[in-house]
Amino acid sequence: MFQQKPIHYPNLKTILMVESFLQEQRKAVSKNTILDNLPKKTMRQTLNIILEYLELSNKVYIGDKGVEWVFDENKKLKTLLKKATDSF
């Protein structure tokens, strides 16, 4: 699944931190920009594993100009699911 054998896998908090940062960006950003702007120090190998996972799940696009968030949440679907689960 992963291109390189990781020393350790990232925890959920780190994955969510990277996701949150990428969602806030309006354009493609470099890996260095991501690492420099995360609130917690993250190793490049850990970031690469996270980005590979996000690309496999179709949430980001990694291109020549950097990494860009492409996942679009359907707010209507989210609202319907919330209403459906609230009735239980």
PDB file of N, CA and C in Angstrom:
ATOM      1  N   MET A   1       0.827  -1.192   0.000  1.00  0.00           N
ATOM      2  CA  MET A   1       0.000   0.000   0.000  1.00  0.00           C
ATOM      3  C   MET A   1       0.870   1.254   0.000  1.00  0.00           C
ATOM      4  N   PHE A   2       1.845   1.341   0.887  1.00  0.00           N
ATOM      5  CA  PHE A   2       2.685   2.529   0.959  1.00  0.00           C
ATOM      6  C   PHE A   2       3.960   2.304   0.172  1.00  0.00           C
ATOM      7  N   GLN A   3       4.493   3.368  -0.409  1.00  0.00           N
ATOM      8  CA  GLN A   3       5.688   3.269  -1.234  1.00  0.00           C
ATOM      9  C   GLN A   3       6.921   2.929  -0.407  1.00  0.00           C
ATOM     10  N   GLN A   4       6.977   3.386   0.812  1.00  0.00           N
ATOM     11  CA  GLN A   4       8.119   3.104   1.662  1.00  0.00           C
ATOM     12  C   GLN A   4       7.652   2.461   2.957  1.00  0.00           C
ATOM     13  N   LYS A   5       8.500   1.657   3.572  1.00  0.00           N
ATOM     14  CA  LYS A   5       8.135   1.022   4.831  1.00  0.00           C
ATOM     15  C   LYS A   5       8.315   2.043   5.949  1.00  0.00           C
ATOM     16  N   PRO A   6       7.218   2.411   6.607  1.00  0.00           N
ATOM     17  CA  PRO A   6       7.295   3.458   7.624  1.00  0.00           C
ATOM     18  C   PRO A   6       7.976   2.974   8.905  1.00  0.00           C
ATOM     19  N   ILE A   7       8.668   3.887   9.574  1.00  0.00           N
ATOM     20  CA  ILE A   7       9.242   3.604  10.885  1.00  0.00           C
ATOM     21  C   ILE A   7       8.096   3.444  11.878  1.00  0.00           C
ATOM     22  N   HIS A   8       7.137   4.324  11.796  1.00  0.00           N
ATOM     23  CA  HIS A   8       5.911   4.232  12.585  1.00  0.00           C
ATOM     24  C   HIS A   8       4.787   4.893  11.791  1.00  0.00           C
ATOM     25  N   TYR A   9       3.583   4.530  12.109  1.00  0.00           N
ATOM     26  CA  TYR A   9       2.435   5.098  11.420  1.00  0.00           C
ATOM     27  C   TYR A   9       1.954   6.328  12.173  1.00  0.00           C
ATOM     28  N   PRO A  10       1.419   7.311  11.447  1.00  0.00           N
ATOM     29  CA  PRO A  10       0.927   8.523  12.117  1.00  0.00           C
ATOM     30  C   PRO A  10      -0.327   8.234  12.926  1.00  0.00           C
ATOM     31  N   ASN A  11      -0.499   9.002  13.990  1.00  0.00           N
ATOM     32  CA  ASN A  11      -1.721   8.825  14.769  1.00  0.00           C
ATOM     33  C   ASN A  11      -2.843   9.683  14.183  1.00  0.00           C
ATOM     34  N   LEU A  12      -4.038   9.436  14.622  1.00  0.00           N
ATOM     35  CA  LEU A  12      -5.213  10.117  14.079  1.00  0.00           C
ATOM     36  C   LEU A  12      -5.134  11.627  14.267  1.00  0.00           C
ATOM     37  N   LYS A  13      -4.607  12.058  15.392  1.00  0.00           N
ATOM     38  CA  LYS A  13      -4.505  13.498  15.667  1.00  0.00           C
ATOM     39  C   LYS A  13      -3.646  14.195  14.610  1.00  0.00           C
ATOM     40  N   THR A  14      -2.555  13.555  14.215  1.00  0.00           N
ATOM     41  CA  THR A  14      -1.676  14.139  13.211  1.00  0.00           C
ATOM     42  C   THR A  14      -2.343  14.157  11.845  1.00  0.00           C
ATOM     43  N   ILE A  15      -3.056  13.100  11.502  1.00  0.00           N
ATOM     44  CA  ILE A  15      -3.767  13.042  10.222  1.00  0.00           C
ATOM     45  C   ILE A  15      -4.816  14.153  10.156  1.00  0.00           C
ATOM     46  N   LEU A  16      -5.582  14.316  11.217  1.00  0.00           N
ATOM     47  CA  LEU A  16      -6.607  15.354  11.251  1.00  0.00           C
ATOM     48  C   LEU A  16      -5.994  16.753  11.201  1.00  0.00           C
ATOM     49  N   MET A  17      -4.829  16.917  11.805  1.00  0.00           N
ATOM     50  CA  MET A  17      -4.138  18.204  11.779  1.00  0.00           C
ATOM     51  C   MET A  17      -3.743  18.562  10.346  1.00  0.00           C
ATOM     52  N   VAL A  18      -3.225  17.599   9.601  1.00  0.00           N
ATOM     53  CA  VAL A  18      -2.836  17.837   8.212  1.00  0.00           C
ATOM     54  C   VAL A  18      -4.081  18.096   7.358  1.00  0.00           C
ATOM     55  N   GLU A  19      -5.126  17.298   7.550  1.00  0.00           N
ATOM     56  CA  GLU A  19      -6.379  17.495   6.813  1.00  0.00           C
ATOM     57  C   GLU A  19      -6.923  18.898   7.038  1.00  0.00           C
ATOM     58  N   SER A  20      -6.963  19.322   8.283  1.00  0.00           N
ATOM     59  CA  SER A  20      -7.498  20.632   8.630  1.00  0.00           C
ATOM     60  C   SER A  20      -6.706  21.741   7.950  1.00  0.00           C
ATOM     61  N   PHE A  21      -5.388  21.636   7.973  1.00  0.00           N
ATOM     62  CA  PHE A  21      -4.555  22.655   7.328  1.00  0.00           C
ATOM     63  C   PHE A  21      -4.826  22.706   5.831  1.00  0.00           C
ATOM     64  N   LEU A  22      -4.906  21.547   5.189  1.00  0.00           N
ATOM     65  CA  LEU A  22      -5.111  21.513   3.735  1.00  0.00           C
ATOM     66  C   LEU A  22      -6.487  22.027   3.348  1.00  0.00           C
ATOM     67  N   GLN A  23      -7.500  21.775   4.166  1.00  0.00           N
ATOM     68  CA  GLN A  23      -8.847  22.262   3.867  1.00  0.00           C
ATOM     69  C   GLN A  23      -8.904  23.784   3.885  1.00  0.00           C
ATOM     70  N   GLU A  24      -8.099  24.415   4.722  1.00  0.00           N
ATOM     71  CA  GLU A  24      -8.104  25.871   4.843  1.00  0.00           C
ATOM     72  C   GLU A  24      -7.408  26.569   3.673  1.00  0.00           C
ATOM     73  N   GLN A  25      -6.562  25.851   2.954  1.00  0.00           N
ATOM     74  CA  GLN A  25      -5.797  26.454   1.863  1.00  0.00           C
ATOM     75  C   GLN A  25      -6.670  26.599   0.622  1.00  0.00           C
ATOM     76  N   ARG A  26      -6.463  27.659  -0.112  1.00  0.00           N
ATOM     77  CA  ARG A  26      -7.249  27.931  -1.318  1.00  0.00           C
ATOM     78  C   ARG A  26      -6.493  27.569  -2.593  1.00  0.00           C
ATOM     79  N   LYS A  27      -5.249  27.121  -2.451  1.00  0.00           N
ATOM     80  CA  LYS A  27      -4.431  26.767  -3.612  1.00  0.00           C
ATOM     81  C   LYS A  27      -3.485  25.641  -3.214  1.00  0.00           C
ATOM     82  N   ALA A  28      -2.778  25.123  -4.180  1.00  0.00           N
ATOM     83  CA  ALA A  28      -1.815  24.058  -3.917  1.00  0.00           C
ATOM     84  C   ALA A  28      -0.670  24.585  -3.057  1.00  0.00           C
ATOM     85  N   VAL A  29      -0.236  23.777  -2.101  1.00  0.00           N
ATOM     86  CA  VAL A  29       0.867  24.155  -1.223  1.00  0.00           C
ATOM     87  C   VAL A  29       1.938  23.072  -1.258  1.00  0.00           C
ATOM     88  N   SER A  30       3.173  23.471  -1.036  1.00  0.00           N
ATOM     89  CA  SER A  30       4.278  22.517  -1.043  1.00  0.00           C
ATOM     90  C   SER A  30       4.323  21.751   0.279  1.00  0.00           C
ATOM     91  N   LYS A  31       5.040  20.638   0.259  1.00  0.00           N
ATOM     92  CA  LYS A  31       5.204  19.853   1.485  1.00  0.00           C
ATOM     93  C   LYS A  31       5.943  20.674   2.540  1.00  0.00           C
ATOM     94  N   ASN A  32       6.916  21.479   2.112  1.00  0.00           N
ATOM     95  CA  ASN A  32       7.640  22.329   3.067  1.00  0.00           C
ATOM     96  C   ASN A  32       6.699  23.328   3.731  1.00  0.00           C
ATOM     97  N   THR A  33       5.781  23.894   2.959  1.00  0.00           N
ATOM     98  CA  THR A  33       4.807  24.835   3.516  1.00  0.00           C
ATOM     99  C   THR A  33       3.929  24.143   4.548  1.00  0.00           C
ATOM    100  N   ILE A  34       3.509  22.928   4.233  1.00  0.00           N
ATOM    101  CA  ILE A  34       2.683  22.167   5.182  1.00  0.00           C
ATOM    102  C   ILE A  34       3.456  21.941   6.472  1.00  0.00           C
ATOM    103  N   LEU A  35       4.679  21.438   6.350  1.00  0.00           N
ATOM    104  CA  LEU A  35       5.490  21.156   7.541  1.00  0.00           C
ATOM    105  C   LEU A  35       5.746  22.413   8.364  1.00  0.00           C
ATOM    106  N   ASP A  36       6.003  23.533   7.708  1.00  0.00           N
ATOM    107  CA  ASP A  36       6.299  24.782   8.413  1.00  0.00           C
ATOM    108  C   ASP A  36       5.086  25.358   9.132  1.00  0.00           C
ATOM    109  N   ASN A  37       3.881  25.056   8.658  1.00  0.00           N
ATOM    110  CA  ASN A  37       2.674  25.678   9.218  1.00  0.00           C
ATOM    111  C   ASN A  37       1.871  24.778  10.139  1.00  0.00           C
ATOM    112  N   LEU A  38       2.277  23.547  10.322  1.00  0.00           N
ATOM    113  CA  LEU A  38       1.565  22.675  11.253  1.00  0.00           C
ATOM    114  C   LEU A  38       1.878  23.101  12.683  1.00  0.00           C
ATOM    115  N   PRO A  39       0.882  23.025  13.574  1.00  0.00           N
ATOM    116  CA  PRO A  39       1.118  23.461  14.954  1.00  0.00           C
ATOM    117  C   PRO A  39       2.060  22.537  15.724  1.00  0.00           C
ATOM    118  N   LYS A  40       2.278  21.333  15.233  1.00  0.00           N
ATOM    119  CA  LYS A  40       3.127  20.363  15.917  1.00  0.00           C
ATOM    120  C   LYS A  40       4.199  19.882  14.946  1.00  0.00           C
ATOM    121  N   LYS A  41       5.423  19.707  15.425  1.00  0.00           N
ATOM    122  CA  LYS A  41       6.497  19.194  14.573  1.00  0.00           C
ATOM    123  C   LYS A  41       6.106  17.827  14.028  1.00  0.00           C
ATOM    124  N   THR A  42       6.317  17.633  12.743  1.00  0.00           N
ATOM    125  CA  THR A  42       6.001  16.368  12.088  1.00  0.00           C
ATOM    126  C   THR A  42       7.162  15.999  11.182  1.00  0.00           C
ATOM    127  N   MET A  43       7.535  14.735  11.201  1.00  0.00           N
ATOM    128  CA  MET A  43       8.616  14.274  10.331  1.00  0.00           C
ATOM    129  C   MET A  43       8.119  14.215   8.889  1.00  0.00           C
ATOM    130  N   ARG A  44       9.025  14.450   7.942  1.00  0.00           N
ATOM    131  CA  ARG A  44       8.665  14.414   6.523  1.00  0.00           C
ATOM    132  C   ARG A  44       8.121  13.042   6.133  1.00  0.00           C
ATOM    133  N   GLN A  45       8.719  11.970   6.661  1.00  0.00           N
ATOM    134  CA  GLN A  45       8.248  10.627   6.331  1.00  0.00           C
ATOM    135  C   GLN A  45       6.803  10.434   6.800  1.00  0.00           C
ATOM    136  N   THR A  46       6.486  10.950   7.973  1.00  0.00           N
ATOM    137  CA  THR A  46       5.118  10.863   8.488  1.00  0.00           C
ATOM    138  C   THR A  46       4.169  11.647   7.592  1.00  0.00           C
ATOM    139  N   LEU A  47       4.569  12.845   7.175  1.00  0.00           N
ATOM    140  CA  LEU A  47       3.743  13.642   6.265  1.00  0.00           C
ATOM    141  C   LEU A  47       3.536  12.905   4.948  1.00  0.00           C
ATOM    142  N   ASN A  48       4.581  12.292   4.417  1.00  0.00           N
ATOM    143  CA  ASN A  48       4.453  11.545   3.165  1.00  0.00           C
ATOM    144  C   ASN A  48       3.450  10.405   3.283  1.00  0.00           C
ATOM    145  N   ILE A  49       3.453   9.703   4.413  1.00  0.00           N
ATOM    146  CA  ILE A  49       2.491   8.618   4.631  1.00  0.00           C
ATOM    147  C   ILE A  49       1.071   9.174   4.689  1.00  0.00           C
ATOM    148  N   ILE A  50       0.886  10.287   5.397  1.00  0.00           N
ATOM    149  CA  ILE A  50      -0.439  10.917   5.503  1.00  0.00           C
ATOM    150  C   ILE A  50      -0.926  11.361   4.131  1.00  0.00           C
ATOM    151  N   LEU A  51      -0.047  12.010   3.365  1.00  0.00           N
ATOM    152  CA  LEU A  51      -0.447  12.494   2.043  1.00  0.00           C
ATOM    153  C   LEU A  51      -0.760  11.338   1.101  1.00  0.00           C
ATOM    154  N   GLU A  52      -0.020  10.259   1.210  1.00  0.00           N
ATOM    155  CA  GLU A  52      -0.304   9.087   0.375  1.00  0.00           C
ATOM    156  C   GLU A  52      -1.676   8.506   0.726  1.00  0.00           C
ATOM    157  N   TYR A  53      -1.972   8.442   2.024  1.00  0.00           N
ATOM    158  CA  TYR A  53      -3.284   7.960   2.462  1.00  0.00           C
ATOM    159  C   TYR A  53      -4.397   8.883   1.953  1.00  0.00           C
ATOM    160  N   LEU A  54      -4.203  10.191   2.082  1.00  0.00           N
ATOM    161  CA  LEU A  54      -5.228  11.147   1.639  1.00  0.00           C
ATOM    162  C   LEU A  54      -5.424  11.089   0.126  1.00  0.00           C
ATOM    163  N   GLU A  55      -4.355  10.838  -0.609  1.00  0.00           N
ATOM    164  CA  GLU A  55      -4.475  10.712  -2.065  1.00  0.00           C
ATOM    165  C   GLU A  55      -5.214   9.428  -2.437  1.00  0.00           C
ATOM    166  N   LEU A  56      -4.931   8.337  -1.732  1.00  0.00           N
ATOM    167  CA  LEU A  56      -5.634   7.077  -2.000  1.00  0.00           C
ATOM    168  C   LEU A  56      -7.120   7.178  -1.677  1.00  0.00           C
ATOM    169  N   SER A  57      -7.473   8.022  -0.703  1.00  0.00           N
ATOM    170  CA  SER A  57      -8.881   8.198  -0.338  1.00  0.00           C
ATOM    171  C   SER A  57      -9.536   9.348  -1.099  1.00  0.00           C
ATOM    172  N   ASN A  58      -8.846   9.853  -2.139  1.00  0.00           N
ATOM    173  CA  ASN A  58      -9.371  10.900  -3.022  1.00  0.00           C
ATOM    174  C   ASN A  58      -9.719  12.202  -2.303  1.00  0.00           C
ATOM    175  N   LYS A  59      -8.941  12.546  -1.291  1.00  0.00           N
ATOM    176  CA  LYS A  59      -9.164  13.801  -0.582  1.00  0.00           C
ATOM    177  C   LYS A  59      -8.207  14.887  -1.049  1.00  0.00           C
ATOM    178  N   VAL A  60      -7.030  14.499  -1.537  1.00  0.00           N
ATOM    179  CA  VAL A  60      -6.068  15.480  -2.031  1.00  0.00           C
ATOM    180  C   VAL A  60      -5.557  15.062  -3.397  1.00  0.00           C
ATOM    181  N   TYR A  61      -5.033  16.054  -4.110  1.00  0.00           N
ATOM    182  CA  TYR A  61      -4.348  15.803  -5.371  1.00  0.00           C
ATOM    183  C   TYR A  61      -2.916  16.281  -5.188  1.00  0.00           C
ATOM    184  N   ILE A  62      -1.972  15.414  -5.496  1.00  0.00           N
ATOM    185  CA  ILE A  62      -0.566  15.773  -5.391  1.00  0.00           C
ATOM    186  C   ILE A  62      -0.038  15.945  -6.803  1.00  0.00           C
ATOM    187  N   GLY A  63       0.310  17.173  -7.144  1.00  0.00           N
ATOM    188  CA  GLY A  63       0.781  17.480  -8.492  1.00  0.00           C
ATOM    189  C   GLY A  63       2.106  18.208  -8.475  1.00  0.00           C
ATOM    190  N   ASP A  64       2.461  18.746  -9.623  1.00  0.00           N
ATOM    191  CA  ASP A  64       3.733  19.461  -9.772  1.00  0.00           C
ATOM    192  C   ASP A  64       3.798  20.730  -8.920  1.00  0.00           C
ATOM    193  N   LYS A  65       2.657  21.351  -8.705  1.00  0.00           N
ATOM    194  CA  LYS A  65       2.633  22.613  -7.963  1.00  0.00           C
ATOM    195  C   LYS A  65       2.421  22.410  -6.472  1.00  0.00           C
ATOM    196  N   GLY A  66       2.250  21.161  -6.037  1.00  0.00           N
ATOM    197  CA  GLY A  66       2.093  20.885  -4.616  1.00  0.00           C
ATOM    198  C   GLY A  66       0.885  20.023  -4.333  1.00  0.00           C
ATOM    199  N   VAL A  67       0.393  20.151  -3.125  1.00  0.00           N
ATOM    200  CA  VAL A  67      -0.721  19.348  -2.637  1.00  0.00           C
ATOM    201  C   VAL A  67      -1.951  20.240  -2.553  1.00  0.00           C
ATOM    202  N   GLU A  68      -3.064  19.748  -3.088  1.00  0.00           N
ATOM    203  CA  GLU A  68      -4.291  20.545  -3.060  1.00  0.00           C
ATOM    204  C   GLU A  68      -5.454  19.687  -2.573  1.00  0.00           C
ATOM    205  N   TRP A  69      -6.264  20.260  -1.684  1.00  0.00           N
ATOM    206  CA  TRP A  69      -7.450  19.591  -1.147  1.00  0.00           C
ATOM    207  C   TRP A  69      -8.516  19.575  -2.243  1.00  0.00           C
ATOM    208  N   VAL A  70      -9.063  18.392  -2.571  1.00  0.00           N
ATOM    209  CA  VAL A  70     -10.056  18.281  -3.637  1.00  0.00           C
ATOM    210  C   VAL A  70     -11.364  17.660  -3.161  1.00  0.00           C
ATOM    211  N   PHE A  71     -11.390  17.143  -1.952  1.00  0.00           N
ATOM    212  CA  PHE A  71     -12.590  16.486  -1.434  1.00  0.00           C
ATOM    213  C   PHE A  71     -13.668  17.520  -1.171  1.00  0.00           C
ATOM    214  N   ASP A  72     -14.870  17.249  -1.661  1.00  0.00           N
ATOM    215  CA  ASP A  72     -15.977  18.180  -1.490  1.00  0.00           C
ATOM    216  C   ASP A  72     -17.063  17.509  -0.668  1.00  0.00           C
ATOM    217  N   GLU A  73     -17.327  18.054   0.505  1.00  0.00           N
ATOM    218  CA  GLU A  73     -18.385  17.492   1.345  1.00  0.00           C
ATOM    219  C   GLU A  73     -19.741  17.926   0.820  1.00  0.00           C
ATOM    220  N   ASN A  74     -20.661  16.998   0.773  1.00  0.00           N
ATOM    221  CA  ASN A  74     -22.019  17.293   0.379  1.00  0.00           C
ATOM    222  C   ASN A  74     -22.798  17.674   1.637  1.00  0.00           C
ATOM    223  N   LYS A  75     -23.045  18.958   1.822  1.00  0.00           N
ATOM    224  CA  LYS A  75     -23.682  19.442   3.045  1.00  0.00           C
ATOM    225  C   LYS A  75     -25.124  18.965   3.178  1.00  0.00           C
ATOM    226  N   LYS A  76     -25.830  18.812   2.055  1.00  0.00           N
ATOM    227  CA  LYS A  76     -27.204  18.308   2.110  1.00  0.00           C
ATOM    228  C   LYS A  76     -27.221  16.868   2.608  1.00  0.00           C
ATOM    229  N   LEU A  77     -26.303  16.065   2.093  1.00  0.00           N
ATOM    230  CA  LEU A  77     -26.221  14.672   2.526  1.00  0.00           C
ATOM    231  C   LEU A  77     -25.867  14.587   4.005  1.00  0.00           C
ATOM    232  N   LYS A  78     -24.950  15.427   4.440  1.00  0.00           N
ATOM    233  CA  LYS A  78     -24.544  15.445   5.841  1.00  0.00           C
ATOM    234  C   LYS A  78     -25.738  15.799   6.739  1.00  0.00           C
ATOM    235  N   THR A  79     -26.542  16.784   6.315  1.00  0.00           N
ATOM    236  CA  THR A  79     -27.717  17.188   7.085  1.00  0.00           C
ATOM    237  C   THR A  79     -28.746  16.067   7.146  1.00  0.00           C
ATOM    238  N   LEU A  80     -28.984  15.405   6.013  1.00  0.00           N
ATOM    239  CA  LEU A  80     -29.927  14.288   5.991  1.00  0.00           C
ATOM    240  C   LEU A  80     -29.471  13.143   6.888  1.00  0.00           C
ATOM    241  N   LEU A  81     -28.187  12.831   6.868  1.00  0.00           N
ATOM    242  CA  LEU A  81     -27.673  11.768   7.724  1.00  0.00           C
ATOM    243  C   LEU A  81     -27.801  12.130   9.193  1.00  0.00           C
ATOM    244  N   LYS A  82     -27.562  13.389   9.520  1.00  0.00           N
ATOM    245  CA  LYS A  82     -27.693  13.830  10.909  1.00  0.00           C
ATOM    246  C   LYS A  82     -29.150  13.714  11.367  1.00  0.00           C
ATOM    247  N   LYS A  83     -30.090  14.142  10.526  1.00  0.00           N
ATOM    248  CA  LYS A  83     -31.514  14.022  10.869  1.00  0.00           C
ATOM    249  C   LYS A  83     -31.921  12.567  11.042  1.00  0.00           C
ATOM    250  N   ALA A  84     -31.414  11.703  10.157  1.00  0.00           N
ATOM    251  CA  ALA A  84     -31.765  10.299  10.215  1.00  0.00           C
ATOM    252  C   ALA A  84     -31.228   9.637  11.481  1.00  0.00           C
ATOM    253  N   THR A  85     -30.018   9.979  11.870  1.00  0.00           N
ATOM    254  CA  THR A  85     -29.440   9.359  13.066  1.00  0.00           C
ATOM    255  C   THR A  85     -29.968   9.970  14.345  1.00  0.00           C
ATOM    256  N   ASP A  86     -30.448  11.216  14.299  1.00  0.00           N
ATOM    257  CA  ASP A  86     -31.029  11.855  15.490  1.00  0.00           C
ATOM    258  C   ASP A  86     -32.355  11.221  15.874  1.00  0.00           C
ATOM    259  N   SER A  87     -33.042  10.622  14.920  1.00  0.00           N
ATOM    260  CA  SER A  87     -34.354  10.051  15.213  1.00  0.00           C
ATOM    261  C   SER A  87     -34.266   8.707  15.938  1.00  0.00           C
ATOM    262  N   PHE A  88     -33.074   8.149  16.023  1.00  0.00           N
ATOM    263  CA  PHE A  88     -32.931   6.861  16.730  1.00  0.00           C
ATOM    264  C   PHE A  88     -32.809   7.012  18.184  1.00  0.00           C
TER     265      PHE A  88
END
